Protein backbone atom coordinates (compact mmCIF):
# COMPACT_ATOMS: atom_id res chain seq x y z
CA UNK A 1 7.34 -26.79 3.24
CA UNK A 2 7.92 -26.83 -0.54
CA UNK A 3 6.02 -24.71 -3.04
CA UNK A 4 4.09 -27.65 -4.53
CA UNK A 5 2.79 -28.81 -1.15
CA UNK A 6 1.77 -25.28 -0.10
CA UNK A 7 -0.02 -24.79 -3.40
CA UNK A 8 -2.00 -28.01 -2.96
CA UNK A 9 -3.08 -26.97 0.53
CA UNK A 10 -4.04 -23.46 -0.55
CA UNK A 11 -5.93 -24.80 -3.55
CA UNK A 12 -8.05 -26.83 -1.15
CA UNK A 13 -8.91 -23.62 0.75
CA UNK A 14 -10.36 -21.95 -2.32
CA UNK A 15 -11.51 -24.91 -4.44
CA UNK A 16 -15.16 -24.54 -3.52
CA UNK A 17 -15.11 -20.95 -4.79
CA UNK A 18 -13.42 -21.63 -8.14
CA UNK A 19 -15.24 -20.78 -11.33
CA UNK A 20 -14.46 -20.62 -15.03
CA UNK A 21 -12.78 -17.81 -16.92
CA UNK A 22 -15.79 -17.65 -19.23
CA UNK A 23 -18.15 -17.05 -16.31
CA UNK A 24 -15.92 -14.30 -15.03
CA UNK A 25 -15.95 -12.58 -18.40
CA UNK A 26 -19.73 -12.84 -18.53
CA UNK A 27 -20.00 -11.29 -15.08
CA UNK A 28 -17.56 -8.54 -16.05
CA UNK A 29 -19.63 -7.70 -19.13
CA UNK A 30 -22.80 -7.54 -17.07
CA UNK A 31 -21.09 -5.29 -14.56
CA UNK A 32 -19.94 -2.89 -17.26
CA UNK A 33 -23.43 -2.70 -18.70
CA UNK A 34 -24.81 -1.93 -15.26
CA UNK A 35 -22.61 1.13 -14.95
CA UNK A 36 -24.59 2.71 -17.74
CA UNK A 37 -21.78 4.54 -19.55
CA UNK A 38 -18.91 3.83 -21.90
CA UNK A 39 -16.02 3.76 -19.47
CA UNK A 40 -12.43 3.07 -20.41
CA UNK A 41 -11.30 -0.40 -19.41
CA UNK A 42 -7.78 -1.20 -18.28
CA UNK A 43 -6.86 -4.30 -20.25
CA UNK A 44 -5.65 -7.40 -18.46
CA UNK A 45 -2.20 -8.58 -19.53
CA UNK A 46 -1.72 -11.69 -21.60
CA UNK A 47 0.00 -14.70 -20.10
CA UNK A 48 0.69 -18.30 -21.00
CA UNK A 49 -1.23 -19.83 -18.10
CA UNK A 50 -5.05 -19.60 -17.88
CA UNK A 51 -6.16 -17.09 -15.28
CA UNK A 52 -8.31 -19.60 -13.42
CA UNK A 53 -5.25 -21.78 -12.77
CA UNK A 54 -3.98 -19.22 -10.26
CA UNK A 55 -5.30 -20.13 -6.82
CA UNK A 56 -6.17 -17.16 -4.64
CA UNK A 57 -3.88 -15.91 -1.88
CA UNK A 58 -6.83 -14.39 -0.04
CA UNK A 59 -6.81 -15.32 3.68
CA UNK A 60 -3.76 -17.57 3.18
CA UNK A 61 -1.57 -17.61 6.28
CA UNK A 62 2.14 -16.98 6.50
CA UNK A 63 4.24 -20.07 6.99
CA UNK A 64 4.73 -20.05 10.76
CA UNK A 65 8.36 -19.34 11.65
CA UNK A 66 10.88 -16.90 13.09
CA UNK A 67 11.57 -14.84 9.96
CA UNK A 68 15.10 -14.22 8.72
CA UNK A 69 14.91 -10.76 7.21
CA UNK A 70 16.88 -8.99 4.51
CA UNK A 71 16.60 -5.26 3.83
CA UNK A 72 17.19 -3.98 0.30
CA UNK A 73 17.73 -0.23 0.27
CA UNK A 74 19.34 1.43 3.28
CA UNK A 75 18.85 5.08 2.48
CA UNK A 76 16.80 7.28 4.77
CA UNK A 77 13.62 5.21 4.64
CA UNK A 78 15.27 1.80 4.72
CA UNK A 79 17.49 2.76 7.63
CA UNK A 80 14.52 4.08 9.59
CA UNK A 81 12.57 0.84 9.03
CA UNK A 82 15.63 -1.19 9.97
CA UNK A 83 15.77 0.62 13.30
CA UNK A 84 12.11 -0.19 13.95
CA UNK A 85 12.64 -3.83 12.99
CA UNK A 86 15.54 -4.13 15.41
CA UNK A 87 13.49 -2.52 18.19
CA UNK A 88 10.73 -5.05 17.49
CA UNK A 89 13.15 -7.98 17.72
CA UNK A 90 13.41 -8.73 14.01
CA UNK A 91 16.25 -11.07 13.00
CA UNK A 92 18.28 -9.33 10.26
CA UNK A 93 20.47 -11.67 8.22
CA UNK A 94 21.27 -9.63 5.09
CA UNK A 95 21.62 -6.04 3.87
CA UNK A 96 21.70 -4.85 0.25
CA UNK A 97 22.49 -1.42 -1.18
CA UNK A 98 24.41 -0.06 -4.17
CA UNK A 99 26.16 2.40 -1.84
CA UNK A 100 28.55 0.34 0.27
CA UNK A 101 28.83 2.93 3.04
CA UNK A 102 25.06 2.88 3.61
CA UNK A 103 24.93 -0.89 3.78
CA UNK A 104 27.90 -0.97 6.15
CA UNK A 105 26.24 1.60 8.42
CA UNK A 106 23.10 -0.56 8.46
CA UNK A 107 25.19 -3.59 9.38
CA UNK A 108 26.69 -1.67 12.30
CA UNK A 109 23.14 -0.99 13.54
CA UNK A 110 22.38 -4.72 13.42
CA UNK A 111 25.52 -5.70 15.34
CA UNK A 112 24.94 -2.91 17.88
CA UNK A 113 21.51 -4.47 18.55
CA UNK A 114 23.25 -7.69 19.63
CA UNK A 115 22.81 -9.65 16.41
CA UNK A 116 25.34 -11.34 14.16
CA UNK A 117 26.99 -9.46 11.32
CA UNK A 118 24.53 -9.61 8.39
CA UNK A 119 25.78 -10.60 4.96
CA UNK A 120 26.26 -7.59 2.68
CA UNK A 121 25.20 -7.44 -0.96
CA UNK A 122 26.90 -4.32 -2.30
CA UNK A 123 28.34 -5.32 -5.69
CA UNK A 124 26.24 -3.27 -8.07
CA UNK A 125 22.56 -2.81 -8.92
CA UNK A 126 21.85 -6.51 -9.66
CA UNK A 127 23.43 -8.00 -6.55
CA UNK A 128 19.95 -8.30 -5.03
CA UNK A 129 19.44 -11.28 -7.36
CA UNK A 130 22.02 -13.23 -5.36
CA UNK A 131 20.34 -12.17 -2.12
CA UNK A 132 16.99 -13.42 -3.46
CA UNK A 133 18.26 -16.99 -3.73
CA UNK A 134 20.09 -16.97 -0.40
CA UNK A 135 19.18 -19.80 1.96
CA UNK A 136 19.75 -17.50 4.94
CA UNK A 137 16.75 -15.27 4.12
CA UNK A 138 12.99 -15.95 3.96
CA UNK A 139 11.50 -12.42 4.14
CA UNK A 140 12.77 -9.43 2.18
CA UNK A 141 11.89 -5.79 2.89
CA UNK A 142 12.35 -3.49 -0.11
CA UNK A 143 12.83 0.25 0.42
CA UNK A 144 14.27 1.41 -2.90
CA UNK A 145 13.19 3.88 -5.63
CA UNK A 146 9.83 2.93 -7.13
CA UNK A 147 11.13 1.59 -10.44
CA UNK A 148 13.06 -1.15 -8.62
CA UNK A 149 10.17 -2.40 -6.48
CA UNK A 150 8.66 -4.90 -8.90
CA UNK A 151 11.85 -6.40 -10.41
CA UNK A 152 13.18 -7.00 -6.91
CA UNK A 153 9.87 -8.35 -5.58
CA UNK A 154 9.54 -10.77 -8.49
CA UNK A 155 13.05 -12.11 -7.88
CA UNK A 156 12.16 -12.62 -4.20
CA UNK A 157 8.79 -14.30 -4.83
CA UNK A 158 10.19 -16.56 -7.51
CA UNK A 159 12.87 -17.62 -5.03
CA UNK A 160 10.22 -18.88 -2.58
CA UNK A 161 10.34 -15.95 -0.15
CA UNK A 162 7.80 -13.47 1.22
CA UNK A 163 8.30 -9.79 0.45
CA UNK A 164 7.30 -6.42 1.91
CA UNK A 165 7.33 -3.39 -0.40
CA UNK A 166 7.49 0.30 0.34
CA UNK A 167 4.78 2.46 -1.22
CA UNK A 168 3.58 2.58 -3.86
CA UNK A 169 4.37 -1.07 -4.52
CA UNK A 170 4.05 -0.61 -8.29
CA UNK A 171 3.34 2.19 -10.75
CA UNK A 172 1.74 0.48 -13.76
CA UNK A 173 -1.19 -1.90 -14.18
CA UNK A 174 1.08 -4.47 -15.77
CA UNK A 175 3.31 -4.37 -12.69
CA UNK A 176 0.26 -4.86 -10.46
CA UNK A 177 -0.64 -7.98 -12.38
CA UNK A 178 2.93 -9.26 -12.25
CA UNK A 179 2.94 -9.09 -8.46
CA UNK A 180 -0.44 -10.82 -8.17
CA UNK A 181 0.54 -13.64 -10.53
CA UNK A 182 3.95 -14.15 -8.92
CA UNK A 183 2.42 -14.33 -5.44
CA UNK A 184 -0.23 -16.82 -6.57
CA UNK A 185 2.30 -19.01 -8.39
CA UNK A 186 4.85 -19.07 -5.58
CA UNK A 187 2.28 -19.23 -2.73
CA UNK A 188 4.31 -16.52 -1.02
CA UNK A 189 3.01 -13.21 0.25
CA UNK A 190 3.60 -9.80 -1.29
CA UNK A 191 2.63 -7.13 1.25
CA UNK A 192 2.78 -3.39 0.74
CA UNK A 193 4.16 -1.68 3.84
CA UNK A 194 1.43 0.95 4.11
CA UNK A 195 2.33 2.35 7.51
CA UNK A 196 -0.54 4.85 7.66
CA UNK A 197 -2.99 1.97 8.14
CA UNK A 198 -1.34 1.41 11.53
CA UNK A 199 -1.46 4.92 12.95
CA UNK A 200 -3.33 5.52 16.22
CA UNK A 201 -6.40 7.33 14.86
CA UNK A 202 -6.77 5.05 11.86
CA UNK A 203 -6.79 1.86 13.93
CA UNK A 204 -9.12 3.31 16.57
CA UNK A 205 -11.63 4.53 13.97
CA UNK A 206 -11.43 1.16 12.21
CA UNK A 207 -12.51 -0.57 15.42
CA UNK A 208 -15.37 1.92 15.87
CA UNK A 209 -16.59 1.14 12.35
CA UNK A 210 -16.35 -2.60 12.94
CA UNK A 211 -18.35 -2.11 16.16
CA UNK A 212 -21.12 -0.37 14.20
CA UNK A 213 -20.64 3.16 15.60
CA UNK A 214 -20.75 4.71 12.12
CA UNK A 215 -23.79 2.79 10.89
CA UNK A 216 -23.64 2.06 7.16
CA UNK A 217 -20.66 3.72 5.52
CA UNK A 218 -21.29 6.16 2.68
CA UNK A 219 -18.17 8.08 1.67
CA UNK A 220 -14.60 8.81 2.64
CA UNK A 221 -11.59 10.87 1.69
CA UNK A 222 -7.86 10.29 1.84
CA UNK A 223 -4.97 12.41 0.62
CA UNK A 224 -1.27 13.02 0.52
CA UNK A 225 -0.87 16.77 0.93
CA UNK A 226 2.79 17.41 1.67
CA UNK A 227 5.13 20.20 0.58
CA UNK A 228 8.09 18.24 -0.84
CA UNK A 229 9.52 20.93 -3.09
CA UNK A 230 12.83 21.22 -1.23
CA UNK A 231 13.10 17.42 -1.03
CA UNK A 232 12.36 16.99 -4.73
CA UNK A 233 15.11 19.45 -5.66
CA UNK A 234 17.66 18.20 -3.16
CA UNK A 235 20.81 16.53 -4.40
CA UNK A 236 20.40 13.46 -2.23
CA UNK A 237 17.87 10.87 -1.17
CA UNK A 238 14.56 11.02 -3.00
CA UNK A 239 15.72 14.17 -4.78
CA UNK A 240 17.92 11.94 -6.94
CA UNK A 241 14.94 10.15 -8.53
CA UNK A 242 11.50 11.18 -7.35
CA UNK A 243 11.33 14.50 -9.20
CA UNK A 244 11.68 12.62 -12.50
CA UNK A 245 8.24 11.08 -11.96
CA UNK A 246 6.78 14.58 -12.42
CA UNK A 247 8.25 14.70 -15.93
CA UNK A 248 6.61 11.42 -16.96
CA UNK A 249 3.06 11.29 -15.63
CA UNK A 250 0.06 13.49 -14.81
CA UNK A 251 -2.13 12.01 -12.10
CA UNK A 252 -1.98 10.85 -8.50
CA UNK A 253 1.62 9.68 -8.16
CA UNK A 254 1.39 8.66 -4.48
CA UNK A 255 -2.11 7.53 -3.53
CA UNK A 256 -1.81 4.88 -0.83
CA UNK A 257 -1.06 6.83 2.37
CA UNK A 258 -4.49 8.46 2.38
CA UNK A 259 -6.30 5.71 0.52
CA UNK A 260 -5.18 2.65 2.51
CA UNK A 261 -6.95 3.51 5.78
CA UNK A 262 -10.17 4.48 3.95
CA UNK A 263 -10.04 1.23 1.96
CA UNK A 264 -9.75 -0.61 5.28
CA UNK A 265 -12.72 1.27 6.72
CA UNK A 266 -14.80 0.28 3.67
CA UNK A 267 -13.61 -3.35 3.57
CA UNK A 268 -12.24 -2.98 0.06
CA UNK A 269 -11.23 -6.46 -1.16
CA UNK A 270 -12.95 -7.82 1.95
CA UNK A 271 -16.58 -7.34 0.94
CA UNK A 272 -16.44 -4.47 -1.55
CA UNK A 273 -14.14 -3.44 -4.40
CA UNK A 274 -13.10 -0.43 -6.47
CA UNK A 275 -15.35 -0.21 -9.53
CA UNK A 276 -14.23 2.86 -11.46
CA UNK A 277 -12.45 6.20 -11.07
CA UNK A 278 -12.54 9.69 -12.54
CA UNK A 279 -9.55 11.98 -12.09
CA UNK A 280 -8.52 15.52 -12.90
CA UNK A 281 -5.37 17.59 -12.35
CA UNK A 282 -4.79 21.30 -12.06
CA UNK A 283 -2.15 23.22 -13.94
CA UNK A 284 1.50 22.46 -13.20
CA UNK A 285 3.08 25.61 -11.75
CA UNK A 286 4.65 24.75 -8.41
CA UNK A 287 7.87 23.06 -9.52
CA UNK A 288 8.51 25.65 -12.21
CA UNK A 289 8.15 28.47 -9.69
CA UNK A 290 10.33 26.73 -7.11
CA UNK A 291 13.02 26.12 -9.72
CA UNK A 292 12.90 29.77 -10.74
CA UNK A 293 13.41 30.91 -7.16
CA UNK A 294 16.08 28.41 -6.12
CA UNK A 295 18.20 27.22 -9.06
CA UNK A 296 21.01 28.99 -10.86
CA UNK A 297 20.57 29.65 -14.56
CA UNK A 298 23.19 27.09 -15.56
CA UNK A 299 21.64 24.24 -13.53
CA UNK A 300 20.95 21.20 -15.74
CA UNK A 301 17.51 20.79 -14.12
CA UNK A 302 16.29 23.74 -16.20
CA UNK A 303 16.06 21.24 -19.06
CA UNK A 304 13.36 19.26 -17.27
CA UNK A 305 9.70 19.66 -18.26
CA UNK A 306 7.22 18.97 -15.48
CA UNK A 307 3.79 17.72 -16.55
CA UNK A 308 2.14 16.51 -13.33
CA UNK A 309 -0.56 18.93 -12.17
CA UNK A 310 0.03 20.53 -8.78
CA UNK A 311 -3.17 19.09 -7.34
CA UNK A 312 -4.78 15.86 -8.49
CA UNK A 313 -8.29 14.98 -7.34
CA UNK A 314 -9.68 11.53 -8.03
CA UNK A 315 -13.11 10.12 -7.23
CA UNK A 316 -13.62 6.37 -6.82
CA UNK A 317 -16.96 4.56 -6.91
CA UNK A 318 -17.06 1.15 -5.24
CA UNK A 319 -19.06 -1.87 -6.37
CA UNK A 320 -21.45 -1.34 -3.44
CA UNK A 321 -22.02 2.33 -4.24
CA UNK A 322 -19.69 4.07 -1.77
CA UNK A 323 -17.46 6.95 -2.89
CA UNK A 324 -13.86 7.84 -2.05
CA UNK A 325 -12.06 11.09 -2.84
CA UNK A 326 -8.28 10.85 -3.14
CA UNK A 327 -6.06 13.95 -3.44
CA UNK A 328 -2.37 14.48 -4.09
CA UNK A 329 -0.09 17.51 -3.99
CA UNK A 330 3.63 17.70 -3.20
CA UNK A 331 4.52 20.83 -5.17
CA UNK A 332 2.56 23.54 -3.36
CA UNK A 333 2.87 25.25 0.05
CA UNK A 334 0.44 23.06 1.99
CA UNK A 335 0.48 21.90 5.63
CA UNK A 336 0.85 18.13 5.88
CA UNK A 337 -2.43 16.24 5.83
CA UNK A 338 -3.79 12.84 4.86
CA UNK A 339 -7.35 14.16 5.44
CA UNK A 340 -8.48 10.73 6.72
CA UNK A 341 -12.23 11.28 6.62
CA UNK A 342 -14.95 8.66 6.83
CA UNK A 343 -18.72 9.14 7.06
CA UNK A 344 -21.67 6.85 7.59
CA UNK A 345 -25.34 7.03 8.44
CA UNK A 346 -24.60 7.56 12.16
CA UNK A 347 -21.26 9.38 12.39
CA UNK A 348 -18.47 11.25 10.63
CA UNK A 349 -14.77 11.47 11.49
CA UNK A 350 -12.33 13.99 10.08
CA UNK A 351 -8.63 14.20 10.84
CA UNK A 352 -6.00 17.02 10.78
CA UNK A 353 -7.05 17.97 13.40
CA UNK A 354 -8.97 14.89 14.61
CA UNK A 355 -12.67 15.46 15.34
CA UNK A 356 -15.76 13.33 15.34
CA UNK A 357 -19.50 13.84 15.28
CA UNK A 358 -21.93 11.07 16.21
CA UNK A 359 -25.59 11.66 15.51
CA UNK A 360 -27.14 13.53 18.45
CA UNK A 361 -23.94 13.83 20.50
CA UNK A 362 -24.14 17.66 20.75
CA UNK A 363 -27.20 19.89 20.69
CA UNK A 364 -25.44 22.42 18.45
CA UNK A 365 -24.16 19.72 16.07
CA UNK A 366 -20.53 20.60 16.84
CA UNK A 367 -17.67 18.16 16.54
CA UNK A 368 -16.42 16.33 19.59
CA UNK A 369 -13.08 14.86 20.58
CA UNK A 370 -11.90 11.37 19.67
CA UNK A 371 -10.79 11.07 23.30
CA UNK A 372 -14.38 10.22 24.20
CA UNK A 373 -13.96 6.95 22.30
CA UNK A 374 -10.70 5.80 23.81
CA UNK A 375 -12.31 2.46 24.66
CA UNK A 376 -11.83 1.62 20.98
CA UNK A 377 -8.06 2.07 21.14
CA UNK A 378 -6.57 -0.78 19.15
CA UNK A 379 -4.85 -3.51 21.22
CA UNK A 380 -1.76 -3.05 19.05
CA UNK A 381 -1.44 0.46 20.51
CA UNK A 382 -2.56 -0.51 24.01
CA UNK A 383 0.17 -3.13 24.21
CA UNK A 384 2.89 -1.45 22.17
CA UNK A 385 2.12 2.27 22.17
CA UNK A 386 4.84 3.25 24.63
CA UNK A 387 7.67 1.44 22.85
CA UNK A 388 6.26 2.45 19.45
CA UNK A 389 6.43 6.15 20.27
CA UNK A 390 9.92 5.68 21.70
CA UNK A 391 11.10 3.73 18.67
CA UNK A 392 9.72 6.43 16.39
CA UNK A 393 8.90 6.20 12.74
CA UNK A 394 6.12 8.67 11.99
CA UNK A 395 4.91 8.83 15.57
CA UNK A 396 5.19 5.09 16.14
CA UNK A 397 3.08 3.70 13.33
CA UNK A 398 6.14 2.26 11.55
CA UNK A 399 7.01 0.26 14.65
CA UNK A 400 3.40 -0.94 15.06
CA UNK A 401 3.32 -2.04 11.41
CA UNK A 402 6.55 -4.01 11.62
CA UNK A 403 5.84 -5.50 15.06
CA UNK A 404 2.46 -6.64 13.74
CA UNK A 405 4.09 -8.11 10.62
CA UNK A 406 6.54 -10.10 12.74
CA UNK A 407 3.67 -11.29 14.93
CA UNK A 408 1.67 -12.48 11.92
CA UNK A 409 4.61 -14.51 10.63
CA UNK A 410 5.50 -15.95 14.04
CA UNK A 411 1.90 -16.99 14.70
CA UNK A 412 1.17 -18.13 11.16
CA UNK A 413 -1.58 -15.57 10.50
CA UNK A 414 -2.58 -14.02 7.14
CA UNK A 415 -1.04 -10.60 6.43
CA UNK A 416 -3.23 -7.58 7.14
CA UNK A 417 -2.43 -6.18 3.68
CA UNK A 418 -2.31 -8.89 1.02
CA UNK A 419 -1.22 -8.88 -2.60
CA UNK A 420 -4.71 -7.86 -3.80
CA UNK A 421 -4.71 -4.81 -1.52
CA UNK A 422 -1.16 -4.10 -2.67
CA UNK A 423 -2.19 -4.21 -6.33
CA UNK A 424 -5.54 -2.41 -6.12
CA UNK A 425 -4.35 0.43 -3.86
CA UNK A 426 -1.28 0.99 -6.03
CA UNK A 427 -3.43 0.81 -9.19
CA UNK A 428 -5.08 4.12 -8.27
CA UNK A 429 -1.92 5.81 -9.56
CA UNK A 430 -1.94 4.48 -13.14
CA UNK A 431 -5.75 4.46 -13.33
CA UNK A 432 -5.80 8.17 -12.40
CA UNK A 433 -3.15 8.88 -15.05
CA UNK A 434 -5.32 7.09 -17.63
CA UNK A 435 -8.39 9.10 -16.64
CA UNK A 436 -6.59 12.46 -16.77
CA UNK A 437 -5.15 11.58 -20.18
CA UNK A 438 -8.68 10.96 -21.49
CA UNK A 439 -10.25 14.18 -20.28
CA UNK A 440 -11.25 12.84 -16.85
CA UNK A 441 -13.17 9.94 -18.37
CA UNK A 442 -14.28 7.12 -16.04
CA UNK A 443 -11.78 4.26 -15.96
CA UNK A 444 -12.76 0.83 -14.69
CA UNK A 445 -10.44 -0.94 -12.26
CA UNK A 446 -8.98 -4.35 -12.96
CA UNK A 447 -10.34 -6.85 -10.45
CA UNK A 448 -7.18 -8.55 -9.27
CA UNK A 449 -9.02 -10.72 -6.78
CA UNK A 450 -11.95 -12.08 -8.78
CA UNK A 451 -9.81 -13.36 -11.64
CA UNK A 452 -7.89 -15.37 -9.07
CA UNK A 453 -10.85 -17.72 -8.82
CA UNK A 454 -13.85 -16.38 -6.91
CA UNK A 455 -17.39 -15.84 -8.09
CA UNK A 456 -18.31 -12.14 -8.17
CA UNK A 457 -21.52 -12.50 -6.17
CA UNK A 458 -19.85 -14.55 -3.46
CA UNK A 459 -16.83 -12.24 -3.44
CA UNK A 460 -18.93 -9.16 -2.78
CA UNK A 461 -20.65 -10.88 0.10
CA UNK A 462 -17.51 -12.11 1.82
CA UNK A 463 -16.96 -10.53 5.22
CA UNK A 464 -13.29 -11.16 5.85
CA UNK A 465 -12.79 -7.68 7.28
CA UNK A 466 -13.39 -8.93 10.81
CA UNK A 467 -10.08 -10.79 10.58
CA UNK A 468 -8.16 -7.77 9.39
CA UNK A 469 -5.97 -6.19 12.07
CA UNK A 470 -7.52 -8.63 14.51
CA UNK A 471 -6.07 -9.37 17.91
CA UNK A 472 -5.83 -13.10 17.21
């Protein structure tokens, strides 16, 4: 199906919800006044085409097919995801990496799984552009350093292909907008591969919330608390590029692992939205101290100046009045945790370790075990849990994510995580940086969905969350 025909069909899906740019601006002004304070606004980027000419990709289905998949980036993460894709029966037709040996190793994995030799794109950092226009590929998975995510995704979308991006999908507000616009223009999907949304506890708790066990939701917390000091200073893998981010920005550099599941619980972009954020960072000490203890005096990394605070804490207010705390630290001695907490009028769940309290469940108000709610185990885990745990990938959630993605494409379903989720979840990073830079001032979120052509009042009342992660 060509792009023009798909666009006409998708326009019909959303036509009844279209509204003018002027009305949107009026609604935005009213919303800002309602907040009752002078918050900092993230400006929308300029573009040649009017915003209301971009039909929404909300609830748009994948083109039904057996996907032909290319993987760009076959380092540690890309190779791991490739293994999960092969276990899930994904058809791999192309591999791209600037290191030929890594791409060749990935190709050996594909052939060992009983598939044909994939085509290799290994001739320099721009060879992905040739892959993007290949007629043997229609879905591209990108697992490269962050700064390459958006240029690669844009090349893929503009070549009439769907794309899946490792996290965070983008690191600036302008990049967020670029992905949204490119997806809307091409009528192709841009999905962030947020694996933590597919973990066992997260999917079970999501079903409990959808069943009403938590009552009305009130607040939640997500985090990425992970001691990566040795990884950041290693001479390979992420150590070659990720440490540099700590010399450029002060804020939450990696928000989506903890945030994604909480956003799902709260139906963000499916009935509610992020309104504004305040953020603050501690002093930066951890990387300096680690460098002092582990590097020789003549190491060139002594010339680096780290500015990202060791712990960043951000607080988000949603349009419906809920609150979300998001934390980030990778430079301190801290046991791994995503916190994964959600609370409502009837119950509260906290992870690491997992525990739940439902109103009146214990006389002494003590937490109980999630095992008591096993009936809410997600069908994705009921059906695929055994092979997922065997396949691996963070306890099986990587396999579940990719098997579900393949299923959505094969059945012609909408993606669980669409381009608006991809943009808004990733936007927490640059919005937090903006808030920290302005003395923890409130910063309003761009509304990537509403400007795509939906009336604010209708948008906030939409209840599309029942389709998300459904068993259909």
